[in-house]
C-alpha cells in the first residue's frame, strides 16, 4: 500500500475519533501556548491528524488524493521512497513555525489540519507537472493558485484552521525538492513554457 493511502487512512480515523472528543482534540491540536509552557513539541506533527469538521477533513484528504503521484515521482527522481514521507512530515512542521512564534503567548489560539503538508505536496507536484490535470478539468498550477487565494481569503476569518500554513506549505513544497536537486527548477520552467510553444 502506498504511503499516501496510509496517511489518508490514519488521518481520517484519528480525525473522526476526535470530532466528538474535545479532550483528544485538545491533546493533538497545534496549541503554541501549551507547546511553550509544557514542551509539547509533538503538536507540530499531531496537528495534521485532527481537523475541525468533516468538510475540512474531506478538502485536505481529497486534495492529497488528487496529488498522490508525487509519491511515485519522488521515488523516481530521488531514488528512494523516503523523500515523500520526509516532505509530508516536514510539511507539517515547517509551515507552523511562524504561527508558533506569533501565538506562543496567546492561550486561546489553537489550530488543526494537515494544510501545510498537503499544500507542500501540491506545490511539489506543480514543480514536476504544472499542466497535469485533476480529473481532466483543472491544471495543477491553476488549482495551486486557487488554493492559495482561498487560503488568503479564509485566513481573514476567525477559525481554528491554520490557513497561514497553506502559504508556508506552498513555499516548503517548492523548496524541499530544490534543496536536493536544484536542476528541477530548470525542468519546471521548461514544462511551464512548453504549454505556450
N, C-alpha and C. Protein backbone atom coordinates (compact mmCIF):
# COMPACT_ATOMS: atom_id res chain seq x y z
N UNK A 1 0.84 -1.19 0.00
CA UNK A 1 0.00 0.00 0.00
C UNK A 1 0.89 1.25 0.00
N UNK A 2 0.46 2.27 -0.72
CA UNK A 2 1.26 3.48 -0.81
C UNK A 2 1.23 4.26 0.50
N UNK A 3 2.26 5.04 0.71
CA UNK A 3 2.37 5.88 1.91
C UNK A 3 1.24 6.91 1.91
N UNK A 4 0.89 7.43 0.74
CA UNK A 4 -0.20 8.41 0.64
C UNK A 4 -1.49 7.83 1.18
N UNK A 5 -1.82 6.61 0.78
CA UNK A 5 -3.06 5.99 1.27
C UNK A 5 -3.01 5.74 2.77
N UNK A 6 -1.85 5.36 3.27
CA UNK A 6 -1.70 5.15 4.72
C UNK A 6 -1.94 6.45 5.46
N UNK A 7 -1.35 7.54 4.96
CA UNK A 7 -1.56 8.86 5.59
C UNK A 7 -3.04 9.23 5.60
N UNK A 8 -3.71 9.01 4.47
CA UNK A 8 -5.13 9.35 4.38
C UNK A 8 -5.95 8.53 5.37
N UNK A 9 -5.72 7.22 5.41
CA UNK A 9 -6.48 6.33 6.31
C UNK A 9 -6.27 6.71 7.77
N UNK A 10 -5.02 6.90 8.17
CA UNK A 10 -4.71 7.24 9.56
C UNK A 10 -5.32 8.60 9.92
N UNK A 11 -5.20 9.56 9.02
CA UNK A 11 -5.74 10.91 9.28
C UNK A 11 -7.25 10.88 9.42
N UNK A 12 -7.91 10.14 8.54
CA UNK A 12 -9.37 10.04 8.61
C UNK A 12 -9.80 9.38 9.92
N UNK A 13 -9.14 8.30 10.31
CA UNK A 13 -9.51 7.60 11.54
C UNK A 13 -9.32 8.48 12.77
N UNK A 14 -8.17 9.15 12.87
CA UNK A 14 -7.91 9.99 14.05
C UNK A 14 -8.83 11.20 14.05
N UNK A 15 -9.05 11.81 12.89
CA UNK A 15 -9.93 12.98 12.83
C UNK A 15 -11.35 12.60 13.22
N UNK A 16 -11.86 11.49 12.69
CA UNK A 16 -13.22 11.07 13.02
C UNK A 16 -13.38 10.80 14.50
N UNK A 17 -12.39 10.17 15.11
CA UNK A 17 -12.50 9.86 16.54
C UNK A 17 -12.33 11.11 17.40
N UNK A 18 -11.84 12.20 16.81
CA UNK A 18 -11.64 13.44 17.57
C UNK A 18 -12.79 14.42 17.44
N UNK A 19 -13.66 14.23 16.43
CA UNK A 19 -14.74 15.18 16.20
C UNK A 19 -15.61 15.41 17.44
N UNK A 20 -15.95 14.35 18.14
CA UNK A 20 -16.83 14.47 19.30
C UNK A 20 -16.10 14.22 20.62
N UNK A 21 -14.78 14.37 20.58
CA UNK A 21 -13.99 14.18 21.81
C UNK A 21 -13.09 15.39 22.00
N UNK A 22 -13.58 16.42 22.65
CA UNK A 22 -12.79 17.64 22.87
C UNK A 22 -11.47 17.39 23.58
N UNK A 23 -11.43 16.38 24.45
CA UNK A 23 -10.19 16.07 25.17
C UNK A 23 -9.10 15.60 24.21
N UNK A 24 -9.47 14.72 23.27
CA UNK A 24 -8.50 14.23 22.29
C UNK A 24 -8.11 15.35 21.32
N UNK A 25 -9.10 16.13 20.92
CA UNK A 25 -8.85 17.28 20.04
C UNK A 25 -7.81 18.21 20.68
N UNK A 26 -8.01 18.52 21.97
CA UNK A 26 -7.09 19.42 22.69
C UNK A 26 -5.69 18.82 22.82
N UNK A 27 -5.60 17.52 22.97
CA UNK A 27 -4.28 16.88 23.13
C UNK A 27 -3.48 16.87 21.83
N UNK A 28 -4.17 16.87 20.68
CA UNK A 28 -3.49 16.72 19.40
C UNK A 28 -3.35 18.02 18.60
N UNK A 29 -4.16 19.02 18.89
CA UNK A 29 -4.15 20.24 18.09
C UNK A 29 -2.84 21.02 18.25
N UNK A 30 -2.63 21.94 17.33
CA UNK A 30 -1.47 22.83 17.40
C UNK A 30 -1.83 23.96 18.36
N UNK A 31 -1.21 23.95 19.53
CA UNK A 31 -1.52 24.90 20.61
C UNK A 31 -0.20 25.51 21.06
N UNK A 32 0.23 26.59 20.42
CA UNK A 32 1.55 27.17 20.70
C UNK A 32 1.80 27.47 22.18
N UNK A 33 0.78 27.94 22.88
CA UNK A 33 0.94 28.26 24.31
C UNK A 33 1.33 27.01 25.10
N UNK A 34 0.65 25.91 24.84
CA UNK A 34 0.95 24.66 25.55
C UNK A 34 2.30 24.09 25.12
N UNK A 35 2.65 24.29 23.86
CA UNK A 35 3.97 23.85 23.40
C UNK A 35 5.05 24.55 24.20
N UNK A 36 4.90 25.86 24.36
CA UNK A 36 5.89 26.65 25.09
C UNK A 36 5.89 26.32 26.58
N UNK A 37 4.70 26.24 27.15
CA UNK A 37 4.59 26.03 28.61
C UNK A 37 4.97 24.61 29.03
N UNK A 38 4.61 23.61 28.21
CA UNK A 38 4.78 22.22 28.63
C UNK A 38 5.71 21.42 27.72
N UNK A 39 6.40 22.10 26.81
CA UNK A 39 7.32 21.43 25.88
C UNK A 39 6.63 20.31 25.09
N UNK A 40 5.42 20.56 24.65
CA UNK A 40 4.67 19.55 23.89
C UNK A 40 4.94 19.70 22.39
N UNK A 41 6.19 19.46 22.04
CA UNK A 41 6.63 19.67 20.65
C UNK A 41 5.99 18.70 19.67
N UNK A 42 5.45 17.59 20.18
CA UNK A 42 4.78 16.62 19.31
C UNK A 42 3.61 17.25 18.55
N UNK A 43 3.07 18.36 19.07
CA UNK A 43 1.92 19.01 18.45
C UNK A 43 2.21 19.52 17.04
N UNK A 44 3.49 19.76 16.73
CA UNK A 44 3.84 20.18 15.38
C UNK A 44 3.51 19.09 14.36
N UNK A 45 3.43 17.83 14.83
CA UNK A 45 3.10 16.71 13.94
C UNK A 45 1.64 16.29 14.08
N UNK A 46 1.17 16.19 15.32
CA UNK A 46 -0.21 15.70 15.52
C UNK A 46 -1.26 16.65 14.96
N UNK A 47 -0.91 17.91 14.77
CA UNK A 47 -1.85 18.88 14.18
C UNK A 47 -2.41 18.38 12.85
N UNK A 48 -1.62 17.64 12.10
CA UNK A 48 -2.05 17.17 10.79
C UNK A 48 -3.01 16.01 10.81
N UNK A 49 -3.27 15.47 11.99
CA UNK A 49 -4.14 14.29 12.08
C UNK A 49 -5.50 14.61 12.70
N UNK A 50 -5.74 15.88 13.02
CA UNK A 50 -7.05 16.31 13.50
C UNK A 50 -7.55 17.45 12.64
N UNK A 51 -8.86 17.49 12.42
CA UNK A 51 -9.47 18.52 11.57
C UNK A 51 -10.70 19.09 12.28
N UNK A 52 -11.07 20.29 11.87
CA UNK A 52 -12.15 20.99 12.57
C UNK A 52 -13.53 20.36 12.32
N UNK A 53 -13.74 19.81 11.12
CA UNK A 53 -15.01 19.18 10.81
C UNK A 53 -14.84 18.29 9.58
N UNK A 54 -15.93 17.66 9.17
CA UNK A 54 -15.86 16.73 8.05
C UNK A 54 -15.43 17.42 6.75
N UNK A 55 -15.95 18.62 6.48
CA UNK A 55 -15.61 19.33 5.25
C UNK A 55 -14.12 19.68 5.19
N UNK A 56 -13.57 20.10 6.31
CA UNK A 56 -12.14 20.42 6.38
C UNK A 56 -11.31 19.17 6.10
N UNK A 57 -11.70 18.08 6.72
CA UNK A 57 -11.01 16.80 6.51
C UNK A 57 -11.12 16.35 5.06
N UNK A 58 -12.33 16.42 4.49
CA UNK A 58 -12.56 15.99 3.12
C UNK A 58 -11.73 16.82 2.14
N UNK A 59 -11.71 18.13 2.34
CA UNK A 59 -10.96 19.02 1.45
C UNK A 59 -9.48 18.66 1.45
N UNK A 60 -8.90 18.49 2.63
CA UNK A 60 -7.47 18.16 2.71
C UNK A 60 -7.14 16.78 2.15
N UNK A 61 -7.94 15.78 2.51
CA UNK A 61 -7.63 14.42 2.08
C UNK A 61 -7.93 14.20 0.60
N UNK A 62 -8.96 14.86 0.09
CA UNK A 62 -9.26 14.77 -1.34
C UNK A 62 -8.14 15.43 -2.15
N UNK A 63 -7.66 16.56 -1.67
CA UNK A 63 -6.54 17.24 -2.33
C UNK A 63 -5.30 16.34 -2.32
N UNK A 64 -5.02 15.73 -1.18
CA UNK A 64 -3.87 14.82 -1.09
C UNK A 64 -4.03 13.66 -2.07
N UNK A 65 -5.24 13.15 -2.19
CA UNK A 65 -5.51 12.06 -3.13
C UNK A 65 -5.27 12.51 -4.58
N UNK A 66 -5.72 13.71 -4.92
CA UNK A 66 -5.51 14.24 -6.28
C UNK A 66 -4.04 14.24 -6.67
N UNK A 67 -3.18 14.48 -5.68
CA UNK A 67 -1.75 14.64 -5.95
C UNK A 67 -0.93 13.45 -5.47
N UNK A 68 -1.56 12.29 -5.43
CA UNK A 68 -0.91 11.07 -4.93
C UNK A 68 0.30 10.65 -5.76
N UNK A 69 0.38 11.08 -7.02
CA UNK A 69 1.50 10.70 -7.88
C UNK A 69 2.83 11.31 -7.44
N UNK A 70 2.77 12.30 -6.56
CA UNK A 70 4.02 12.90 -6.06
C UNK A 70 4.88 11.84 -5.38
N UNK A 71 4.24 10.91 -4.71
CA UNK A 71 4.98 9.83 -4.04
C UNK A 71 5.82 9.04 -5.05
N UNK A 72 5.22 8.69 -6.18
CA UNK A 72 5.92 7.94 -7.23
C UNK A 72 7.00 8.79 -7.89
N UNK A 73 6.67 10.05 -8.16
CA UNK A 73 7.63 10.96 -8.79
C UNK A 73 8.86 11.12 -7.91
N UNK A 74 8.65 11.33 -6.62
CA UNK A 74 9.77 11.49 -5.69
C UNK A 74 10.65 10.24 -5.67
N UNK A 75 10.02 9.06 -5.65
CA UNK A 75 10.78 7.81 -5.63
C UNK A 75 11.65 7.69 -6.88
N UNK A 76 11.12 8.10 -8.03
CA UNK A 76 11.88 8.01 -9.28
C UNK A 76 12.99 9.06 -9.34
N UNK A 77 12.65 10.29 -8.98
CA UNK A 77 13.61 11.40 -9.10
C UNK A 77 14.74 11.29 -8.07
N UNK A 78 14.41 10.94 -6.85
CA UNK A 78 15.40 10.90 -5.78
C UNK A 78 15.95 9.51 -5.51
N UNK A 79 15.36 8.48 -6.13
CA UNK A 79 15.86 7.13 -5.98
C UNK A 79 15.61 6.49 -4.63
N UNK A 80 14.61 7.02 -3.90
CA UNK A 80 14.30 6.48 -2.58
C UNK A 80 12.85 6.79 -2.24
N UNK A 81 12.21 5.88 -1.52
CA UNK A 81 10.83 6.09 -1.08
C UNK A 81 10.75 6.96 0.18
N UNK A 82 11.89 7.32 0.74
CA UNK A 82 11.90 8.07 2.00
C UNK A 82 11.63 9.56 1.82
N UNK A 83 11.84 10.08 0.60
CA UNK A 83 11.71 11.52 0.40
C UNK A 83 10.27 12.01 0.52
N UNK A 84 9.31 11.22 0.07
CA UNK A 84 7.92 11.66 0.17
C UNK A 84 7.43 11.76 1.61
N UNK A 85 7.62 10.71 2.44
CA UNK A 85 7.19 10.88 3.84
C UNK A 85 7.96 11.99 4.55
N UNK A 86 9.22 12.21 4.14
CA UNK A 86 10.00 13.30 4.72
C UNK A 86 9.40 14.65 4.33
N UNK A 87 8.97 14.79 3.07
CA UNK A 87 8.28 16.00 2.64
C UNK A 87 7.03 16.22 3.48
N UNK A 88 6.23 15.17 3.63
CA UNK A 88 4.96 15.31 4.35
C UNK A 88 5.20 15.65 5.82
N UNK A 89 6.13 14.97 6.45
CA UNK A 89 6.43 15.22 7.86
C UNK A 89 6.93 16.64 8.09
N UNK A 90 7.89 17.06 7.28
CA UNK A 90 8.41 18.42 7.43
C UNK A 90 7.37 19.44 6.98
N UNK A 91 6.45 19.02 6.10
CA UNK A 91 5.36 19.89 5.69
C UNK A 91 4.35 20.14 6.80
N UNK A 92 4.33 19.27 7.80
CA UNK A 92 3.51 19.51 8.99
C UNK A 92 4.21 20.48 9.94
N UNK A 93 5.52 20.37 10.00
CA UNK A 93 6.30 21.16 10.98
C UNK A 93 6.61 22.57 10.48
N UNK A 94 7.25 22.67 9.33
CA UNK A 94 7.78 23.96 8.85
C UNK A 94 6.72 25.06 8.72
N UNK A 95 5.56 24.78 8.13
CA UNK A 95 4.58 25.87 7.96
C UNK A 95 4.00 26.41 9.27
N UNK A 96 4.15 25.66 10.37
CA UNK A 96 3.59 26.10 11.64
C UNK A 96 4.59 26.86 12.51
N UNK A 97 5.82 26.95 12.07
CA UNK A 97 6.84 27.63 12.87
C UNK A 97 6.50 29.10 13.07
N UNK A 98 6.09 29.78 12.00
CA UNK A 98 5.77 31.21 12.14
C UNK A 98 4.59 31.42 13.09
N UNK A 99 3.58 30.54 13.01
CA UNK A 99 2.43 30.66 13.92
C UNK A 99 2.82 30.36 15.36
N UNK A 100 3.79 29.48 15.54
CA UNK A 100 4.26 29.22 16.90
C UNK A 100 4.79 30.50 17.53
N UNK A 101 5.67 31.20 16.84
CA UNK A 101 6.24 32.42 17.39
C UNK A 101 5.21 33.53 17.50
N UNK A 102 4.25 33.54 16.61
CA UNK A 102 3.21 34.57 16.62
C UNK A 102 2.24 34.38 17.78
N UNK A 103 1.94 33.12 18.11
CA UNK A 103 0.88 32.84 19.09
C UNK A 103 1.36 32.14 20.37
N UNK A 104 2.65 32.04 20.58
CA UNK A 104 3.12 31.26 21.74
C UNK A 104 2.70 31.84 23.09
N UNK A 105 2.33 33.11 23.12
CA UNK A 105 1.87 33.73 24.36
C UNK A 105 0.36 33.93 24.40
N UNK A 106 -0.34 33.36 23.41
CA UNK A 106 -1.80 33.52 23.32
C UNK A 106 -2.46 32.21 23.72
N UNK A 107 -3.03 32.17 24.91
CA UNK A 107 -3.61 30.93 25.43
C UNK A 107 -4.72 30.39 24.54
N UNK A 108 -5.54 31.27 23.98
CA UNK A 108 -6.73 30.83 23.25
C UNK A 108 -6.50 30.38 21.82
N UNK A 109 -5.30 30.57 21.29
CA UNK A 109 -5.10 30.19 19.89
C UNK A 109 -4.79 28.70 19.75
N UNK A 110 -5.56 28.04 18.88
CA UNK A 110 -5.31 26.65 18.52
C UNK A 110 -5.61 26.48 17.05
N UNK A 111 -4.94 25.55 16.42
CA UNK A 111 -5.18 25.28 15.00
C UNK A 111 -5.10 23.78 14.75
N UNK A 112 -5.80 23.35 13.70
CA UNK A 112 -5.77 21.94 13.33
C UNK A 112 -5.73 21.80 11.82
N UNK A 113 -5.33 20.64 11.36
CA UNK A 113 -5.38 20.33 9.94
C UNK A 113 -4.04 20.00 9.34
N UNK A 114 -4.10 19.26 8.25
CA UNK A 114 -2.90 18.85 7.51
C UNK A 114 -2.57 19.84 6.40
N UNK A 115 -3.09 21.05 6.52
CA UNK A 115 -2.99 22.05 5.45
C UNK A 115 -1.57 22.28 4.95
N UNK A 116 -0.63 22.46 5.87
CA UNK A 116 0.74 22.74 5.47
C UNK A 116 1.35 21.60 4.67
N UNK A 117 1.17 20.38 5.14
CA UNK A 117 1.75 19.22 4.46
C UNK A 117 1.08 18.97 3.11
N UNK A 118 -0.25 19.11 3.07
CA UNK A 118 -0.97 18.88 1.82
C UNK A 118 -0.58 19.92 0.78
N UNK A 119 -0.46 21.17 1.20
CA UNK A 119 -0.06 22.22 0.27
C UNK A 119 1.37 22.00 -0.21
N UNK A 120 2.22 21.49 0.67
CA UNK A 120 3.60 21.17 0.25
C UNK A 120 3.59 20.12 -0.85
N UNK A 121 2.73 19.13 -0.71
CA UNK A 121 2.61 18.08 -1.74
C UNK A 121 2.10 18.69 -3.05
N UNK A 122 1.09 19.55 -2.96
CA UNK A 122 0.52 20.19 -4.15
C UNK A 122 1.59 20.97 -4.92
N UNK A 123 2.37 21.77 -4.20
CA UNK A 123 3.34 22.62 -4.88
C UNK A 123 4.59 21.86 -5.33
N UNK A 124 4.89 20.75 -4.69
CA UNK A 124 5.93 19.87 -5.22
C UNK A 124 5.47 19.27 -6.54
N UNK A 125 4.20 18.89 -6.60
CA UNK A 125 3.63 18.34 -7.84
C UNK A 125 3.69 19.37 -8.96
N UNK A 126 3.41 20.62 -8.63
CA UNK A 126 3.43 21.69 -9.62
C UNK A 126 4.83 21.85 -10.22
N UNK A 127 5.85 21.67 -9.40
CA UNK A 127 7.23 21.76 -9.91
C UNK A 127 7.49 20.75 -11.03
N UNK A 128 6.93 19.56 -10.88
CA UNK A 128 7.19 18.48 -11.84
C UNK A 128 6.18 18.44 -12.98
N UNK A 129 4.93 18.78 -12.68
CA UNK A 129 3.86 18.64 -13.68
C UNK A 129 2.89 19.82 -13.61
N UNK A 130 3.33 21.03 -13.93
CA UNK A 130 2.44 22.19 -13.76
C UNK A 130 1.14 22.11 -14.56
N UNK A 131 1.18 21.43 -15.72
CA UNK A 131 -0.01 21.39 -16.57
C UNK A 131 -0.76 20.06 -16.50
N UNK A 132 -0.36 19.17 -15.59
CA UNK A 132 -1.13 17.94 -15.40
C UNK A 132 -2.52 18.33 -14.90
N UNK A 133 -3.50 17.49 -15.18
CA UNK A 133 -4.89 17.85 -14.89
C UNK A 133 -5.47 17.02 -13.75
N UNK A 134 -6.31 17.66 -12.97
CA UNK A 134 -7.11 16.97 -11.96
C UNK A 134 -8.43 16.59 -12.63
N UNK A 135 -8.67 15.30 -12.79
CA UNK A 135 -9.89 14.79 -13.40
C UNK A 135 -10.17 15.45 -14.76
N UNK A 136 -9.11 15.74 -15.50
CA UNK A 136 -9.22 16.33 -16.84
C UNK A 136 -9.95 17.67 -16.84
N UNK A 137 -9.93 18.36 -15.70
CA UNK A 137 -10.70 19.60 -15.58
C UNK A 137 -9.81 20.81 -15.31
N UNK A 138 -8.91 20.68 -14.34
CA UNK A 138 -8.16 21.85 -13.90
C UNK A 138 -6.66 21.52 -13.78
N UNK A 139 -5.80 22.34 -14.36
CA UNK A 139 -4.35 22.09 -14.27
C UNK A 139 -3.85 22.26 -12.84
N UNK A 140 -2.82 21.49 -12.50
CA UNK A 140 -2.24 21.56 -11.16
C UNK A 140 -1.91 22.99 -10.76
N UNK A 141 -1.27 23.73 -11.67
CA UNK A 141 -0.81 25.08 -11.32
C UNK A 141 -1.98 26.01 -11.03
N UNK A 142 -3.07 25.85 -11.77
CA UNK A 142 -4.26 26.67 -11.52
C UNK A 142 -4.89 26.28 -10.18
N UNK A 143 -4.97 24.99 -9.91
CA UNK A 143 -5.50 24.51 -8.63
C UNK A 143 -4.68 25.08 -7.47
N UNK A 144 -3.36 25.05 -7.62
CA UNK A 144 -2.48 25.55 -6.57
C UNK A 144 -2.70 27.02 -6.30
N UNK A 145 -2.83 27.82 -7.35
CA UNK A 145 -3.07 29.25 -7.19
C UNK A 145 -4.42 29.51 -6.53
N UNK A 146 -5.45 28.81 -6.98
CA UNK A 146 -6.78 28.96 -6.37
C UNK A 146 -6.78 28.54 -4.91
N UNK A 147 -6.01 27.50 -4.61
CA UNK A 147 -5.88 27.00 -3.24
C UNK A 147 -5.32 28.11 -2.34
N UNK A 148 -4.30 28.83 -2.83
CA UNK A 148 -3.68 29.91 -2.06
C UNK A 148 -4.61 31.12 -1.94
N UNK A 149 -5.33 31.44 -3.01
CA UNK A 149 -6.28 32.56 -2.96
C UNK A 149 -7.36 32.26 -1.93
N UNK A 150 -7.89 31.03 -1.94
CA UNK A 150 -8.89 30.62 -0.96
C UNK A 150 -8.33 30.71 0.46
N UNK A 151 -7.09 30.28 0.64
CA UNK A 151 -6.46 30.31 1.95
C UNK A 151 -6.28 31.74 2.45
N UNK A 152 -5.86 32.64 1.55
CA UNK A 152 -5.69 34.04 1.92
C UNK A 152 -7.01 34.65 2.36
N UNK A 153 -8.07 34.32 1.63
CA UNK A 153 -9.40 34.82 1.99
C UNK A 153 -9.84 34.26 3.34
N UNK A 154 -9.69 32.95 3.52
CA UNK A 154 -10.16 32.30 4.75
C UNK A 154 -9.32 32.70 5.97
N UNK A 155 -8.06 33.07 5.75
CA UNK A 155 -7.20 33.44 6.89
C UNK A 155 -7.68 34.71 7.57
N UNK A 156 -8.54 35.47 6.89
CA UNK A 156 -9.07 36.70 7.49
C UNK A 156 -10.28 36.43 8.36
N UNK A 157 -10.78 35.22 8.30
CA UNK A 157 -11.93 34.85 9.13
C UNK A 157 -11.44 34.12 10.37
N UNK A 158 -12.19 34.25 11.44
CA UNK A 158 -11.81 33.62 12.70
C UNK A 158 -12.15 32.14 12.65
N UNK A 159 -11.15 31.29 12.80
CA UNK A 159 -11.40 29.85 12.84
C UNK A 159 -10.18 29.17 13.45
N UNK A 160 -10.31 27.86 13.71
CA UNK A 160 -9.16 27.13 14.25
C UNK A 160 -8.47 26.34 13.14
N UNK A 161 -8.66 26.75 11.90
CA UNK A 161 -7.94 26.16 10.77
C UNK A 161 -6.72 27.02 10.49
N UNK A 162 -5.55 26.39 10.43
CA UNK A 162 -4.31 27.15 10.23
C UNK A 162 -4.12 27.52 8.77
N UNK A 163 -4.88 28.53 8.29
CA UNK A 163 -4.82 28.88 6.88
C UNK A 163 -3.46 29.44 6.46
N UNK A 164 -2.75 30.09 7.37
CA UNK A 164 -1.43 30.62 7.00
C UNK A 164 -0.47 29.46 6.70
N UNK A 165 -0.77 28.29 7.23
CA UNK A 165 0.05 27.11 6.93
C UNK A 165 -0.02 26.73 5.46
N UNK A 166 -1.11 27.10 4.78
CA UNK A 166 -1.22 26.83 3.34
C UNK A 166 -0.11 27.57 2.60
N UNK A 167 0.04 28.86 2.91
CA UNK A 167 1.06 29.65 2.23
C UNK A 167 2.46 29.10 2.48
N UNK A 168 2.79 28.87 3.75
CA UNK A 168 4.13 28.38 4.09
C UNK A 168 4.33 26.95 3.60
N UNK A 169 3.26 26.18 3.54
CA UNK A 169 3.34 24.84 2.97
C UNK A 169 3.69 24.89 1.49
N UNK A 170 3.11 25.87 0.78
CA UNK A 170 3.42 26.05 -0.65
C UNK A 170 4.89 26.38 -0.83
N UNK A 171 5.39 27.29 -0.02
CA UNK A 171 6.81 27.66 -0.08
C UNK A 171 7.69 26.44 0.18
N UNK A 172 7.33 25.68 1.21
CA UNK A 172 8.11 24.49 1.56
C UNK A 172 8.04 23.44 0.46
N UNK A 173 6.87 23.28 -0.16
CA UNK A 173 6.72 22.31 -1.24
C UNK A 173 7.60 22.62 -2.44
N UNK A 174 7.88 23.89 -2.66
CA UNK A 174 8.79 24.29 -3.74
C UNK A 174 10.24 24.13 -3.32
N UNK A 175 10.55 24.51 -2.08
CA UNK A 175 11.94 24.48 -1.62
C UNK A 175 12.47 23.07 -1.39
N UNK A 176 11.64 22.20 -0.84
CA UNK A 176 12.09 20.86 -0.44
C UNK A 176 12.77 20.10 -1.59
N UNK A 177 12.11 19.94 -2.74
CA UNK A 177 12.79 19.20 -3.83
C UNK A 177 14.02 19.93 -4.36
N UNK A 178 13.94 21.27 -4.39
CA UNK A 178 15.05 22.05 -4.94
C UNK A 178 16.30 21.99 -4.06
N UNK A 179 16.11 21.74 -2.77
CA UNK A 179 17.27 21.61 -1.88
C UNK A 179 18.11 20.40 -2.25
N UNK A 180 17.46 19.35 -2.72
CA UNK A 180 18.15 18.12 -3.07
C UNK A 180 18.59 18.08 -4.54
N UNK A 181 17.77 18.71 -5.40
CA UNK A 181 18.10 18.74 -6.83
C UNK A 181 17.71 20.10 -7.41
N UNK A 182 18.62 21.08 -7.33
CA UNK A 182 18.30 22.43 -7.83
C UNK A 182 17.93 22.46 -9.31
N UNK A 183 18.42 21.48 -10.07
CA UNK A 183 18.15 21.46 -11.51
C UNK A 183 16.66 21.24 -11.83
N UNK A 184 15.90 20.84 -10.82
CA UNK A 184 14.45 20.67 -11.01
C UNK A 184 13.81 21.99 -11.43
N UNK A 185 14.38 23.11 -10.98
CA UNK A 185 13.81 24.42 -11.32
C UNK A 185 13.84 24.65 -12.83
N UNK A 186 14.95 24.29 -13.47
CA UNK A 186 15.05 24.43 -14.93
C UNK A 186 14.01 23.55 -15.63
N UNK A 187 13.82 22.34 -15.09
CA UNK A 187 12.82 21.43 -15.65
C UNK A 187 11.42 22.05 -15.52
N UNK A 188 11.14 22.66 -14.37
CA UNK A 188 9.85 23.31 -14.14
C UNK A 188 9.60 24.42 -15.16
N UNK A 189 10.61 25.27 -15.39
CA UNK A 189 10.47 26.36 -16.35
C UNK A 189 10.21 25.82 -17.75
N UNK A 190 10.92 24.75 -18.12
CA UNK A 190 10.71 24.12 -19.43
C UNK A 190 9.28 23.61 -19.56
N UNK A 191 8.80 22.94 -18.52
CA UNK A 191 7.44 22.40 -18.54
C UNK A 191 6.41 23.52 -18.59
N UNK A 192 6.68 24.58 -17.85
CA UNK A 192 5.76 25.71 -17.81
C UNK A 192 5.64 26.38 -19.16
N UNK A 193 6.76 26.60 -19.81
CA UNK A 193 6.78 27.30 -21.11
C UNK A 193 6.35 26.42 -22.27
N UNK A 194 6.48 25.10 -22.09
CA UNK A 194 6.14 24.16 -23.17
C UNK A 194 4.68 24.31 -23.59
N UNK A 195 3.84 24.73 -22.67
CA UNK A 195 2.41 24.90 -22.96
C UNK A 195 2.17 25.99 -23.99
N UNK A 196 3.11 26.93 -24.07
CA UNK A 196 2.92 28.08 -24.96
C UNK A 196 3.75 28.01 -26.24
N UNK A 197 4.48 26.90 -26.41
CA UNK A 197 5.30 26.74 -27.62
C UNK A 197 4.53 26.01 -28.71
